[in-house]
C-alpha atoms as a PDB file:
ATOM      1  CA  UNK A   1      16.583   4.002  10.839  1.00  0.00           C
ATOM      2  CA  UNK A   2      14.525   1.827  13.162  1.00  0.00           C
ATOM      3  CA  UNK A   3      14.649  -1.984  13.009  1.00  0.00           C
ATOM      4  CA  UNK A   4      11.374  -3.814  13.659  1.00  0.00           C
ATOM      5  CA  UNK A   5      10.947  -7.540  14.326  1.00  0.00           C
ATOM      6  CA  UNK A   6       7.569  -9.198  14.682  1.00  0.00           C
ATOM      7  CA  UNK A   7       6.225 -12.700  15.053  1.00  0.00           C
ATOM      8  CA  UNK A   8       2.940 -14.547  14.656  1.00  0.00           C
ATOM      9  CA  UNK A   9       1.771 -18.103  14.160  1.00  0.00           C
ATOM     10  CA  UNK A  10       0.918 -19.701  10.831  1.00  0.00           C
ATOM     11  CA  UNK A  11      -2.060 -22.041  10.905  1.00  0.00           C
ATOM     12  CA  UNK A  12      -0.746 -25.385   9.625  1.00  0.00           C
ATOM     13  CA  UNK A  13      -3.853 -26.020   7.541  1.00  0.00           C
ATOM     14  CA  UNK A  14      -3.338 -22.665   5.736  1.00  0.00           C
ATOM     15  CA  UNK A  15       0.429 -23.012   5.222  1.00  0.00           C
ATOM     16  CA  UNK A  16       0.406 -23.652   1.466  1.00  0.00           C
ATOM     17  CA  UNK A  17      -2.105 -20.862   0.855  1.00  0.00           C
ATOM     18  CA  UNK A  18       0.042 -18.377   2.795  1.00  0.00           C
ATOM     19  CA  UNK A  19       3.238 -19.436   1.041  1.00  0.00           C
ATOM     20  CA  UNK A  20       1.552 -19.168  -2.364  1.00  0.00           C
ATOM     21  CA  UNK A  21       0.390 -15.634  -1.572  1.00  0.00           C
ATOM     22  CA  UNK A  22       3.922 -14.615  -0.659  1.00  0.00           C
ATOM     23  CA  UNK A  23       5.428 -16.077  -3.813  1.00  0.00           C
ATOM     24  CA  UNK A  24       3.560 -13.301  -5.640  1.00  0.00           C
ATOM     25  CA  UNK A  25       2.965 -10.360  -3.290  1.00  0.00           C
ATOM     26  CA  UNK A  26       0.756  -7.804  -4.984  1.00  0.00           C
ATOM     27  CA  UNK A  27       2.710  -4.819  -6.361  1.00  0.00           C
ATOM     28  CA  UNK A  28       0.256  -2.349  -4.777  1.00  0.00           C
ATOM     29  CA  UNK A  29       0.945  -3.851  -1.334  1.00  0.00           C
ATOM     30  CA  UNK A  30       4.685  -3.530  -1.872  1.00  0.00           C
ATOM     31  CA  UNK A  31       4.196   0.048  -3.102  1.00  0.00           C
ATOM     32  CA  UNK A  32       2.220   0.973   0.035  1.00  0.00           C
ATOM     33  CA  UNK A  33       5.016  -0.382   2.232  1.00  0.00           C
ATOM     34  CA  UNK A  34       7.667   1.519   0.274  1.00  0.00           C
ATOM     35  CA  UNK A  35       5.610   4.745   0.398  1.00  0.00           C
ATOM     36  CA  UNK A  36       5.492   4.317   4.191  1.00  0.00           C
ATOM     37  CA  UNK A  37       9.309   4.353   4.331  1.00  0.00           C
ATOM     38  CA  UNK A  38       9.552   0.607   5.039  1.00  0.00           C
ATOM     39  CA  UNK A  39      12.629  -1.082   3.596  1.00  0.00           C
ATOM     40  CA  UNK A  40      14.288  -4.514   3.728  1.00  0.00           C
ATOM     41  CA  UNK A  41      11.055  -6.271   4.697  1.00  0.00           C
ATOM     42  CA  UNK A  42      11.464 -10.029   5.043  1.00  0.00           C
ATOM     43  CA  UNK A  43       9.272 -12.775   6.455  1.00  0.00           C
ATOM     44  CA  UNK A  44      10.868 -16.005   7.642  1.00  0.00           C
ATOM     45  CA  UNK A  45       9.208 -19.284   8.586  1.00  0.00           C
ATOM     46  CA  UNK A  46      10.329 -21.723  11.282  1.00  0.00           C
ATOM     47  CA  UNK A  47       7.891 -24.561  11.896  1.00  0.00           C
ATOM     48  CA  UNK A  48       4.584 -22.736  12.304  1.00  0.00           C
ATOM     49  CA  UNK A  49       6.150 -19.482  13.485  1.00  0.00           C
ATOM     50  CA  UNK A  50       6.374 -16.505  11.135  1.00  0.00           C
ATOM     51  CA  UNK A  51       9.105 -13.970  11.857  1.00  0.00           C
ATOM     52  CA  UNK A  52       9.108 -10.601  10.085  1.00  0.00           C
ATOM     53  CA  UNK A  53      11.902  -8.055   9.965  1.00  0.00           C
ATOM     54  CA  UNK A  54      11.891  -4.614   8.376  1.00  0.00           C
ATOM     55  CA  UNK A  55      13.618  -1.282   8.604  1.00  0.00           C
ATOM     56  CA  UNK A  56      11.717   1.978   8.980  1.00  0.00           C
ATOM     57  CA  UNK A  57      13.423   5.021   7.451  1.00  0.00           C
ATOM     58  CA  UNK A  58      10.828   7.723   8.083  1.00  0.00           C
ATOM     59  CA  UNK A  59      10.176  10.330  10.761  1.00  0.00           C
ATOM     60  CA  UNK A  60       6.639   9.429  11.895  1.00  0.00           C
ATOM     61  CA  UNK A  61       6.217   5.676  12.284  1.00  0.00           C
ATOM     62  CA  UNK A  62       2.628   5.842  13.551  1.00  0.00           C
ATOM     63  CA  UNK A  63       1.468   8.035  10.655  1.00  0.00           C
ATOM     64  CA  UNK A  64       3.270   5.935   8.064  1.00  0.00           C
ATOM     65  CA  UNK A  65       1.895   2.725   9.540  1.00  0.00           C
ATOM     66  CA  UNK A  66      -1.597   4.269   9.489  1.00  0.00           C
ATOM     67  CA  UNK A  67      -1.157   4.970   5.765  1.00  0.00           C
ATOM     68  CA  UNK A  68      -0.443   1.279   5.156  1.00  0.00           C
ATOM     69  CA  UNK A  69      -3.468   0.262   7.235  1.00  0.00           C
ATOM     70  CA  UNK A  70      -5.673   2.689   5.262  1.00  0.00           C
ATOM     71  CA  UNK A  71      -4.517   1.465   1.847  1.00  0.00           C
ATOM     72  CA  UNK A  72      -7.440  -0.336   0.126  1.00  0.00           C
ATOM     73  CA  UNK A  73      -5.270  -2.927  -1.644  1.00  0.00           C
ATOM     74  CA  UNK A  74      -3.408  -3.733   1.572  1.00  0.00           C
ATOM     75  CA  UNK A  75      -6.720  -4.139   3.354  1.00  0.00           C
ATOM     76  CA  UNK A  76      -7.850  -6.507   0.594  1.00  0.00           C
ATOM     77  CA  UNK A  77      -4.519  -8.411   0.831  1.00  0.00           C
ATOM     78  CA  UNK A  78      -5.110  -8.908   4.539  1.00  0.00           C
ATOM     79  CA  UNK A  79      -8.479 -10.554   3.837  1.00  0.00           C
ATOM     80  CA  UNK A  80      -6.397 -13.377   2.336  1.00  0.00           C
ATOM     81  CA  UNK A  81      -3.421 -13.432   4.720  1.00  0.00           C
ATOM     82  CA  UNK A  82      -5.122 -12.801   8.085  1.00  0.00           C
ATOM     83  CA  UNK A  83      -7.134 -16.066   8.075  1.00  0.00           C
ATOM     84  CA  UNK A  84      -3.817 -17.918   7.708  1.00  0.00           C
ATOM     85  CA  UNK A  85      -2.435 -16.501  10.951  1.00  0.00           C
ATOM     86  CA  UNK A  86      -3.153 -17.031  14.621  1.00  0.00           C
ATOM     87  CA  UNK A  87      -1.883 -14.118  16.733  1.00  0.00           C
ATOM     88  CA  UNK A  88       0.004 -14.697  19.953  1.00  0.00           C
ATOM     89  CA  UNK A  89      -2.025 -13.798  23.073  1.00  0.00           C
ATOM     90  CA  UNK A  90       0.043 -10.599  23.525  1.00  0.00           C
ATOM     91  CA  UNK A  91      -0.608  -9.250  20.016  1.00  0.00           C
ATOM     92  CA  UNK A  92      -2.018  -5.719  19.971  1.00  0.00           C
ATOM     93  CA  UNK A  93      -5.765  -5.646  19.365  1.00  0.00           C
ATOM     94  CA  UNK A  94      -5.343  -4.061  15.931  1.00  0.00           C
ATOM     95  CA  UNK A  95      -2.562  -6.406  14.775  1.00  0.00           C
ATOM     96  CA  UNK A  96      -1.950 -10.066  14.116  1.00  0.00           C
ATOM     97  CA  UNK A  97       1.775  -9.612  14.793  1.00  0.00           C
ATOM     98  CA  UNK A  98       3.561  -9.204  18.136  1.00  0.00           C
ATOM     99  CA  UNK A  99       6.628  -6.995  18.181  1.00  0.00           C
ATOM    100  CA  UNK A 100       9.838  -8.601  19.374  1.00  0.00           C
ATOM    101  CA  UNK A 101      12.156  -6.199  21.209  1.00  0.00           C
ATOM    102  CA  UNK A 102      15.702  -5.942  19.949  1.00  0.00           C
ATOM    103  CA  UNK A 103      18.135  -7.179  22.592  1.00  0.00           C
ATOM    104  CA  UNK A 104      21.387  -7.061  20.593  1.00  0.00           C
ATOM    105  CA  UNK A 105      22.705  -5.696  17.314  1.00  0.00           C
ATOM    106  CA  UNK A 106      26.106  -6.251  15.704  1.00  0.00           C
ATOM    107  CA  UNK A 107      27.416  -2.877  14.630  1.00  0.00           C
ATOM    108  CA  UNK A 108      29.774  -2.682  11.703  1.00  0.00           C
ATOM    109  CA  UNK A 109      33.342  -2.095  12.697  1.00  0.00           C
ATOM    110  CA  UNK A 110      36.204  -0.684  10.744  1.00  0.00           C
ATOM    111  CA  UNK A 111      38.881  -3.212   9.906  1.00  0.00           C
ATOM    112  CA  UNK A 112      42.499  -1.996  10.079  1.00  0.00           C
END
């Protein structure tokens, strides 16, 4: 399993629109993410910063991510969500989200 964290900026004037969209994420978008072996996907909001976390459980992240990007309903979803976001300057050209490297992880320990 691979943990992924990403961040982007939420345009203040589009805040309510973005929040409304995420109160009712389209089932086809969720299905595309699940089919791509993405689990435990969450988006958090702090001020105007969006922080996303998900776990990837597959064997070919690039191919699975490409399947999400190729999904017609996900592409349509992005026509609504993308205008609400302002990428950080370091965001990859094909993404609105910048990946945040993991610097620490608490591993479960066995209690005596």
